[in-house]
Every structure is written in C-alpha cells, then in structure tokens.
Amino acid sequence: MENKTNWYVLFVMGGKEQQICDFMNQEYDNWKVFIPKIEIIHTKQGKEFFVEKVMFPSYLFIESDIPSKDFKIC
C-alpha cells in the first residue's frame, strides 16, 4: 500500500506560531510542522534591508502520512 502525504492547517494563537511549531516538531515524529515565511525588503532611513515575515499569521502547516480520519491533536 502506498503512503499518501496529507496536509493539514492548524489555527493557533497569534505570536506563538514558532513556539508551538517547535514543540509539535519535538513531540510528533511523523509530522513535519512548518510556518511559511517570506523575505521582504524594508526601507528605513534610506537604507534597505531584508525582513522575514510570516506569510499566514496564526497558522501552522502540517505534512504527515496520517490519514485524516486518524489525525488528532491532544
């Protein structure tokens, strides 16, 4: 039987995305939890620099081979 990769999106408390992502990656071996980020150019006092921003604030993305009927967060 072929393993199918499933994707899940989890809504979490704003500002806690990285903390929750790190925790979940430590606790759940068969999940890959990540936060999509983007680098934007920010200008301050005439100087440009890159700033990394969360693309979807308050959301975590999970990649797993667990079927949706068995996917549970305790």
PDB file of N, CA and C in Angstrom:
ATOM      1  N   MET A   1       0.840  -1.179   0.000  1.00  0.00           N
ATOM      2  CA  MET A   1       0.000   0.000   0.000  1.00  0.00           C
ATOM      3  C   MET A   1       0.890   1.251   0.000  1.00  0.00           C
ATOM      4  N   GLU A   2       0.551   2.205  -0.789  1.00  0.00           N
ATOM      5  CA  GLU A   2       1.330   3.422  -0.950  1.00  0.00           C
ATOM      6  C   GLU A   2       1.005   4.430   0.147  1.00  0.00           C
ATOM      7  N   ASN A   3       2.063   5.041   0.713  1.00  0.00           N
ATOM      8  CA  ASN A   3       1.849   6.092   1.711  1.00  0.00           C
ATOM      9  C   ASN A   3       1.494   7.388   1.011  1.00  0.00           C
ATOM     10  N   LYS A   4       0.419   7.969   1.425  1.00  0.00           N
ATOM     11  CA  LYS A   4      -0.046   9.224   0.843  1.00  0.00           C
ATOM     12  C   LYS A   4       0.275  10.360   1.818  1.00  0.00           C
ATOM     13  N   THR A   5       0.828  11.427   1.298  1.00  0.00           N
ATOM     14  CA  THR A   5       1.116  12.582   2.137  1.00  0.00           C
ATOM     15  C   THR A   5      -0.130  13.447   2.241  1.00  0.00           C
ATOM     16  N   ASN A   6      -0.480  13.782   3.472  1.00  0.00           N
ATOM     17  CA  ASN A   6      -1.632  14.632   3.737  1.00  0.00           C
ATOM     18  C   ASN A   6      -1.152  15.963   4.290  1.00  0.00           C
ATOM     19  N   TRP A   7      -1.917  17.004   4.032  1.00  0.00           N
ATOM     20  CA  TRP A   7      -1.604  18.340   4.514  1.00  0.00           C
ATOM     21  C   TRP A   7      -2.738  18.811   5.414  1.00  0.00           C
ATOM     22  N   TYR A   8      -2.344  19.438   6.520  1.00  0.00           N
ATOM     23  CA  TYR A   8      -3.303  19.970   7.473  1.00  0.00           C
ATOM     24  C   TYR A   8      -2.898  21.396   7.807  1.00  0.00           C
ATOM     25  N   VAL A   9      -3.879  22.224   8.130  1.00  0.00           N
ATOM     26  CA  VAL A   9      -3.623  23.598   8.540  1.00  0.00           C
ATOM     27  C   VAL A   9      -4.231  23.763   9.923  1.00  0.00           C
ATOM     28  N   LEU A  10      -3.430  24.318  10.823  1.00  0.00           N
ATOM     29  CA  LEU A  10      -3.844  24.459  12.209  1.00  0.00           C
ATOM     30  C   LEU A  10      -3.846  25.940  12.586  1.00  0.00           C
ATOM     31  N   PHE A  11      -4.950  26.419  13.134  1.00  0.00           N
ATOM     32  CA  PHE A  11      -5.051  27.801  13.605  1.00  0.00           C
ATOM     33  C   PHE A  11      -4.548  27.849  15.040  1.00  0.00           C
ATOM     34  N   VAL A  12      -3.581  28.740  15.318  1.00  0.00           N
ATOM     35  CA  VAL A  12      -3.004  28.848  16.665  1.00  0.00           C
ATOM     36  C   VAL A  12      -3.026  30.302  17.130  1.00  0.00           C
ATOM     37  N   MET A  13      -2.700  30.511  18.392  1.00  0.00           N
ATOM     38  CA  MET A  13      -2.663  31.849  18.960  1.00  0.00           C
ATOM     39  C   MET A  13      -1.600  32.694  18.256  1.00  0.00           C
ATOM     40  N   GLY A  14      -1.972  33.887  17.856  1.00  0.00           N
ATOM     41  CA  GLY A  14      -1.052  34.782  17.165  1.00  0.00           C
ATOM     42  C   GLY A  14       0.174  35.103  18.004  1.00  0.00           C
ATOM     43  N   GLY A  15       1.319  35.149  17.358  1.00  0.00           N
ATOM     44  CA  GLY A  15       2.569  35.432  18.044  1.00  0.00           C
ATOM     45  C   GLY A  15       3.217  34.213  18.670  1.00  0.00           C
ATOM     46  N   LYS A  16       2.514  33.097  18.717  1.00  0.00           N
ATOM     47  CA  LYS A  16       3.028  31.864  19.328  1.00  0.00           C
ATOM     48  C   LYS A  16       3.335  30.802  18.276  1.00  0.00           C
ATOM     49  N   GLU A  17       3.284  31.188  16.998  1.00  0.00           N
ATOM     50  CA  GLU A  17       3.451  30.207  15.914  1.00  0.00           C
ATOM     51  C   GLU A  17       4.758  29.429  16.042  1.00  0.00           C
ATOM     52  N   GLN A  18       5.875  30.129  16.219  1.00  0.00           N
ATOM     53  CA  GLN A  18       7.170  29.446  16.257  1.00  0.00           C
ATOM     54  C   GLN A  18       7.305  28.549  17.481  1.00  0.00           C
ATOM     55  N   GLN A  19       6.847  29.019  18.619  1.00  0.00           N
ATOM     56  CA  GLN A  19       6.912  28.229  19.846  1.00  0.00           C
ATOM     57  C   GLN A  19       6.099  26.938  19.707  1.00  0.00           C
ATOM     58  N   ILE A  20       4.905  27.032  19.181  1.00  0.00           N
ATOM     59  CA  ILE A  20       4.050  25.857  19.007  1.00  0.00           C
ATOM     60  C   ILE A  20       4.625  24.937  17.934  1.00  0.00           C
ATOM     61  N   CYS A  21       5.139  25.509  16.853  1.00  0.00           N
ATOM     62  CA  CYS A  21       5.754  24.724  15.776  1.00  0.00           C
ATOM     63  C   CYS A  21       6.929  23.908  16.313  1.00  0.00           C
ATOM     64  N   ASP A  22       7.812  24.547  17.082  1.00  0.00           N
ATOM     65  CA  ASP A  22       8.969  23.846  17.651  1.00  0.00           C
ATOM     66  C   ASP A  22       8.529  22.717  18.574  1.00  0.00           C
ATOM     67  N   PHE A  23       7.534  22.997  19.410  1.00  0.00           N
ATOM     68  CA  PHE A  23       7.027  21.980  20.328  1.00  0.00           C
ATOM     69  C   PHE A  23       6.455  20.785  19.572  1.00  0.00           C
ATOM     70  N   MET A  24       5.628  21.066  18.571  1.00  0.00           N
ATOM     71  CA  MET A  24       4.988  19.975  17.834  1.00  0.00           C
ATOM     72  C   MET A  24       6.006  19.138  17.066  1.00  0.00           C
ATOM     73  N   ASN A  25       7.039  19.766  16.514  1.00  0.00           N
ATOM     74  CA  ASN A  25       8.072  19.009  15.801  1.00  0.00           C
ATOM     75  C   ASN A  25       8.860  18.109  16.750  1.00  0.00           C
ATOM     76  N   GLN A  26       8.982  18.497  18.020  1.00  0.00           N
ATOM     77  CA  GLN A  26       9.659  17.659  19.006  1.00  0.00           C
ATOM     78  C   GLN A  26       8.768  16.517  19.475  1.00  0.00           C
ATOM     79  N   GLU A  27       7.489  16.780  19.608  1.00  0.00           N
ATOM     80  CA  GLU A  27       6.562  15.799  20.175  1.00  0.00           C
ATOM     81  C   GLU A  27       6.046  14.762  19.174  1.00  0.00           C
ATOM     82  N   TYR A  28       5.912  15.146  17.926  1.00  0.00           N
ATOM     83  CA  TYR A  28       5.302  14.273  16.924  1.00  0.00           C
ATOM     84  C   TYR A  28       6.323  13.925  15.843  1.00  0.00           C
ATOM     85  N   ASP A  29       6.824  12.703  15.896  1.00  0.00           N
ATOM     86  CA  ASP A  29       7.874  12.265  14.973  1.00  0.00           C
ATOM     87  C   ASP A  29       7.398  12.158  13.529  1.00  0.00           C
ATOM     88  N   ASN A  30       6.149  11.777  13.323  1.00  0.00           N
ATOM     89  CA  ASN A  30       5.661  11.531  11.964  1.00  0.00           C
ATOM     90  C   ASN A  30       4.975  12.755  11.346  1.00  0.00           C
ATOM     91  N   TRP A  31       5.184  13.940  11.932  1.00  0.00           N
ATOM     92  CA  TRP A  31       4.650  15.171  11.384  1.00  0.00           C
ATOM     93  C   TRP A  31       5.798  16.101  11.025  1.00  0.00           C
ATOM     94  N   LYS A  32       5.620  16.859   9.966  1.00  0.00           N
ATOM     95  CA  LYS A  32       6.538  17.948   9.648  1.00  0.00           C
ATOM     96  C   LYS A  32       5.707  19.221   9.762  1.00  0.00           C
ATOM     97  N   VAL A  33       5.927  19.954  10.842  1.00  0.00           N
ATOM     98  CA  VAL A  33       5.172  21.176  11.104  1.00  0.00           C
ATOM     99  C   VAL A  33       6.040  22.360  10.695  1.00  0.00           C
ATOM    100  N   PHE A  34       5.465  23.292   9.941  1.00  0.00           N
ATOM    101  CA  PHE A  34       6.259  24.436   9.498  1.00  0.00           C
ATOM    102  C   PHE A  34       5.396  25.680   9.348  1.00  0.00           C
ATOM    103  N   ILE A  35       6.095  26.809   9.264  1.00  0.00           N
ATOM    104  CA  ILE A  35       5.468  28.118   9.115  1.00  0.00           C
ATOM    105  C   ILE A  35       5.996  28.727   7.821  1.00  0.00           C
ATOM    106  N   PRO A  36       5.154  28.896   6.807  1.00  0.00           N
ATOM    107  CA  PRO A  36       5.630  29.552   5.587  1.00  0.00           C
ATOM    108  C   PRO A  36       6.004  31.009   5.874  1.00  0.00           C
ATOM    109  N   LYS A  37       7.201  31.371   5.436  1.00  0.00           N
ATOM    110  CA  LYS A  37       7.687  32.741   5.644  1.00  0.00           C
ATOM    111  C   LYS A  37       8.158  33.309   4.316  1.00  0.00           C
ATOM    112  N   ILE A  38       8.242  34.634   4.273  1.00  0.00           N
ATOM    113  CA  ILE A  38       8.694  35.339   3.075  1.00  0.00           C
ATOM    114  C   ILE A  38       9.640  36.456   3.508  1.00  0.00           C
ATOM    115  N   GLU A  39      10.636  36.710   2.686  1.00  0.00           N
ATOM    116  CA  GLU A  39      11.527  37.834   2.935  1.00  0.00           C
ATOM    117  C   GLU A  39      11.059  39.029   2.111  1.00  0.00           C
ATOM    118  N   ILE A  40      10.925  40.158   2.766  1.00  0.00           N
ATOM    119  CA  ILE A  40      10.545  41.378   2.062  1.00  0.00           C
ATOM    120  C   ILE A  40      11.640  42.423   2.270  1.00  0.00           C
ATOM    121  N   ILE A  41      11.713  43.362   1.376  1.00  0.00           N
ATOM    122  CA  ILE A  41      12.672  44.446   1.510  1.00  0.00           C
ATOM    123  C   ILE A  41      12.001  45.575   2.279  1.00  0.00           C
ATOM    124  N   HIS A  42      12.651  45.983   3.348  1.00  0.00           N
ATOM    125  CA  HIS A  42      12.138  47.056   4.189  1.00  0.00           C
ATOM    126  C   HIS A  42      13.108  48.224   4.092  1.00  0.00           C
ATOM    127  N   THR A  43      12.584  49.420   3.987  1.00  0.00           N
ATOM    128  CA  THR A  43      13.423  50.614   3.908  1.00  0.00           C
ATOM    129  C   THR A  43      13.228  51.457   5.162  1.00  0.00           C
ATOM    130  N   LYS A  44      14.358  51.802   5.796  1.00  0.00           N
ATOM    131  CA  LYS A  44      14.298  52.646   6.980  1.00  0.00           C
ATOM    132  C   LYS A  44      15.448  53.643   6.899  1.00  0.00           C
ATOM    133  N   GLN A  45      15.122  54.892   6.973  1.00  0.00           N
ATOM    134  CA  GLN A  45      16.101  55.986   6.887  1.00  0.00           C
ATOM    135  C   GLN A  45      16.972  55.856   5.641  1.00  0.00           C
ATOM    136  N   GLY A  46      16.352  55.490   4.522  1.00  0.00           N
ATOM    137  CA  GLY A  46      17.038  55.389   3.245  1.00  0.00           C
ATOM    138  C   GLY A  46      17.853  54.129   3.042  1.00  0.00           C
ATOM    139  N   LYS A  47      17.870  53.253   4.015  1.00  0.00           N
ATOM    140  CA  LYS A  47      18.630  52.002   3.898  1.00  0.00           C
ATOM    141  C   LYS A  47      17.661  50.837   3.725  1.00  0.00           C
ATOM    142  N   GLU A  48      17.999  49.958   2.793  1.00  0.00           N
ATOM    143  CA  GLU A  48      17.171  48.782   2.542  1.00  0.00           C
ATOM    144  C   GLU A  48      17.762  47.567   3.251  1.00  0.00           C
ATOM    145  N   PHE A  49      16.874  46.763   3.821  1.00  0.00           N
ATOM    146  CA  PHE A  49      17.298  45.503   4.430  1.00  0.00           C
ATOM    147  C   PHE A  49      16.152  44.506   4.348  1.00  0.00           C
ATOM    148  N   PHE A  50      16.511  43.226   4.447  1.00  0.00           N
ATOM    149  CA  PHE A  50      15.514  42.162   4.355  1.00  0.00           C
ATOM    150  C   PHE A  50      14.898  41.888   5.718  1.00  0.00           C
ATOM    151  N   VAL A  51      13.594  41.676   5.709  1.00  0.00           N
ATOM    152  CA  VAL A  51      12.852  41.314   6.907  1.00  0.00           C
ATOM    153  C   VAL A  51      12.077  40.039   6.597  1.00  0.00           C
ATOM    154  N   GLU A  52      12.160  39.055   7.480  1.00  0.00           N
ATOM    155  CA  GLU A  52      11.411  37.810   7.301  1.00  0.00           C
ATOM    156  C   GLU A  52      10.067  37.956   7.996  1.00  0.00           C
ATOM    157  N   LYS A  53       8.985  37.680   7.247  1.00  0.00           N
ATOM    158  CA  LYS A  53       7.629  37.778   7.787  1.00  0.00           C
ATOM    159  C   LYS A  53       6.894  36.454   7.609  1.00  0.00           C
ATOM    160  N   VAL A  54       6.008  36.180   8.535  1.00  0.00           N
ATOM    161  CA  VAL A  54       5.135  35.012   8.444  1.00  0.00           C
ATOM    162  C   VAL A  54       4.097  35.301   7.367  1.00  0.00           C
ATOM    163  N   MET A  55       3.955  34.375   6.402  1.00  0.00           N
ATOM    164  CA  MET A  55       3.000  34.599   5.309  1.00  0.00           C
ATOM    165  C   MET A  55       1.548  34.524   5.775  1.00  0.00           C
ATOM    166  N   PHE A  56       1.272  33.585   6.667  1.00  0.00           N
ATOM    167  CA  PHE A  56      -0.094  33.391   7.150  1.00  0.00           C
ATOM    168  C   PHE A  56      -0.078  33.436   8.677  1.00  0.00           C
ATOM    169  N   PRO A  57      -0.140  34.643   9.265  1.00  0.00           N
ATOM    170  CA  PRO A  57      -0.096  34.746  10.726  1.00  0.00           C
ATOM    171  C   PRO A  57      -1.181  33.887  11.386  1.00  0.00           C
ATOM    172  N   SER A  58      -0.818  33.239  12.484  1.00  0.00           N
ATOM    173  CA  SER A  58      -1.701  32.392  13.305  1.00  0.00           C
ATOM    174  C   SER A  58      -1.978  31.019  12.699  1.00  0.00           C
ATOM    175  N   TYR A  59      -1.271  30.634  11.634  1.00  0.00           N
ATOM    176  CA  TYR A  59      -1.497  29.320  11.025  1.00  0.00           C
ATOM    177  C   TYR A  59      -0.205  28.511  10.965  1.00  0.00           C
ATOM    178  N   LEU A  60      -0.315  27.226  11.289  1.00  0.00           N
ATOM    179  CA  LEU A  60       0.770  26.265  11.119  1.00  0.00           C
ATOM    180  C   LEU A  60       0.356  25.284  10.036  1.00  0.00           C
ATOM    181  N   PHE A  61       1.309  24.811   9.279  1.00  0.00           N
ATOM    182  CA  PHE A  61       1.055  23.836   8.240  1.00  0.00           C
ATOM    183  C   PHE A  61       1.712  22.529   8.652  1.00  0.00           C
ATOM    184  N   ILE A  62       0.997  21.445   8.447  1.00  0.00           N
ATOM    185  CA  ILE A  62       1.473  20.132   8.869  1.00  0.00           C
ATOM    186  C   ILE A  62       1.440  19.190   7.682  1.00  0.00           C
ATOM    187  N   GLU A  63       2.560  18.511   7.466  1.00  0.00           N
ATOM    188  CA  GLU A  63       2.660  17.481   6.442  1.00  0.00           C
ATOM    189  C   GLU A  63       2.819  16.145   7.168  1.00  0.00           C
ATOM    190  N   SER A  64       1.981  15.174   6.828  1.00  0.00           N
ATOM    191  CA  SER A  64       2.013  13.892   7.519  1.00  0.00           C
ATOM    192  C   SER A  64       1.437  12.798   6.631  1.00  0.00           C
ATOM    193  N   ASP A  65       1.807  11.568   6.938  1.00  0.00           N
ATOM    194  CA  ASP A  65       1.226  10.439   6.221  1.00  0.00           C
ATOM    195  C   ASP A  65       0.033   9.848   6.980  1.00  0.00           C
ATOM    196  N   ILE A  66      -0.378  10.506   8.056  1.00  0.00           N
ATOM    197  CA  ILE A  66      -1.533  10.052   8.838  1.00  0.00           C
ATOM    198  C   ILE A  66      -2.810  10.393   8.077  1.00  0.00           C
ATOM    199  N   PRO A  67      -3.704   9.414   7.885  1.00  0.00           N
ATOM    200  CA  PRO A  67      -4.974   9.706   7.197  1.00  0.00           C
ATOM    201  C   PRO A  67      -5.836  10.665   8.026  1.00  0.00           C
ATOM    202  N   SER A  68      -6.662  11.426   7.371  1.00  0.00           N
ATOM    203  CA  SER A  68      -7.452  12.448   8.064  1.00  0.00           C
ATOM    204  C   SER A  68      -8.349  11.860   9.164  1.00  0.00           C
ATOM    205  N   LYS A  69      -8.829  10.667   8.964  1.00  0.00           N
ATOM    206  CA  LYS A  69      -9.709  10.072   9.994  1.00  0.00           C
ATOM    207  C   LYS A  69      -8.946   9.763  11.276  1.00  0.00           C
ATOM    208  N   ASP A  70      -7.621   9.613  11.211  1.00  0.00           N
ATOM    209  CA  ASP A  70      -6.806   9.294  12.367  1.00  0.00           C
ATOM    210  C   ASP A  70      -6.050  10.508  12.913  1.00  0.00           C
ATOM    211  N   PHE A  71      -6.165  11.645  12.252  1.00  0.00           N
ATOM    212  CA  PHE A  71      -5.414  12.836  12.643  1.00  0.00           C
ATOM    213  C   PHE A  71      -6.079  13.476  13.848  1.00  0.00           C
ATOM    214  N   LYS A  72      -5.368  13.499  14.981  1.00  0.00           N
ATOM    215  CA  LYS A  72      -5.904  14.074  16.209  1.00  0.00           C
ATOM    216  C   LYS A  72      -4.785  14.817  16.924  1.00  0.00           C
ATOM    217  N   ILE A  73      -5.127  15.938  17.498  1.00  0.00           N
ATOM    218  CA  ILE A  73      -4.206  16.682  18.333  1.00  0.00           C
ATOM    219  C   ILE A  73      -4.750  16.646  19.735  1.00  0.00           C
ATOM    220  N   CYS A  74      -3.973  16.151  20.641  1.00  0.00           N
ATOM    221  CA  CYS A  74      -4.426  16.038  22.039  1.00  0.00           C
ATOM    222  C   CYS A  74      -3.996  17.225  22.850  1.00  0.00           C
TER     223      CYS A  74
END
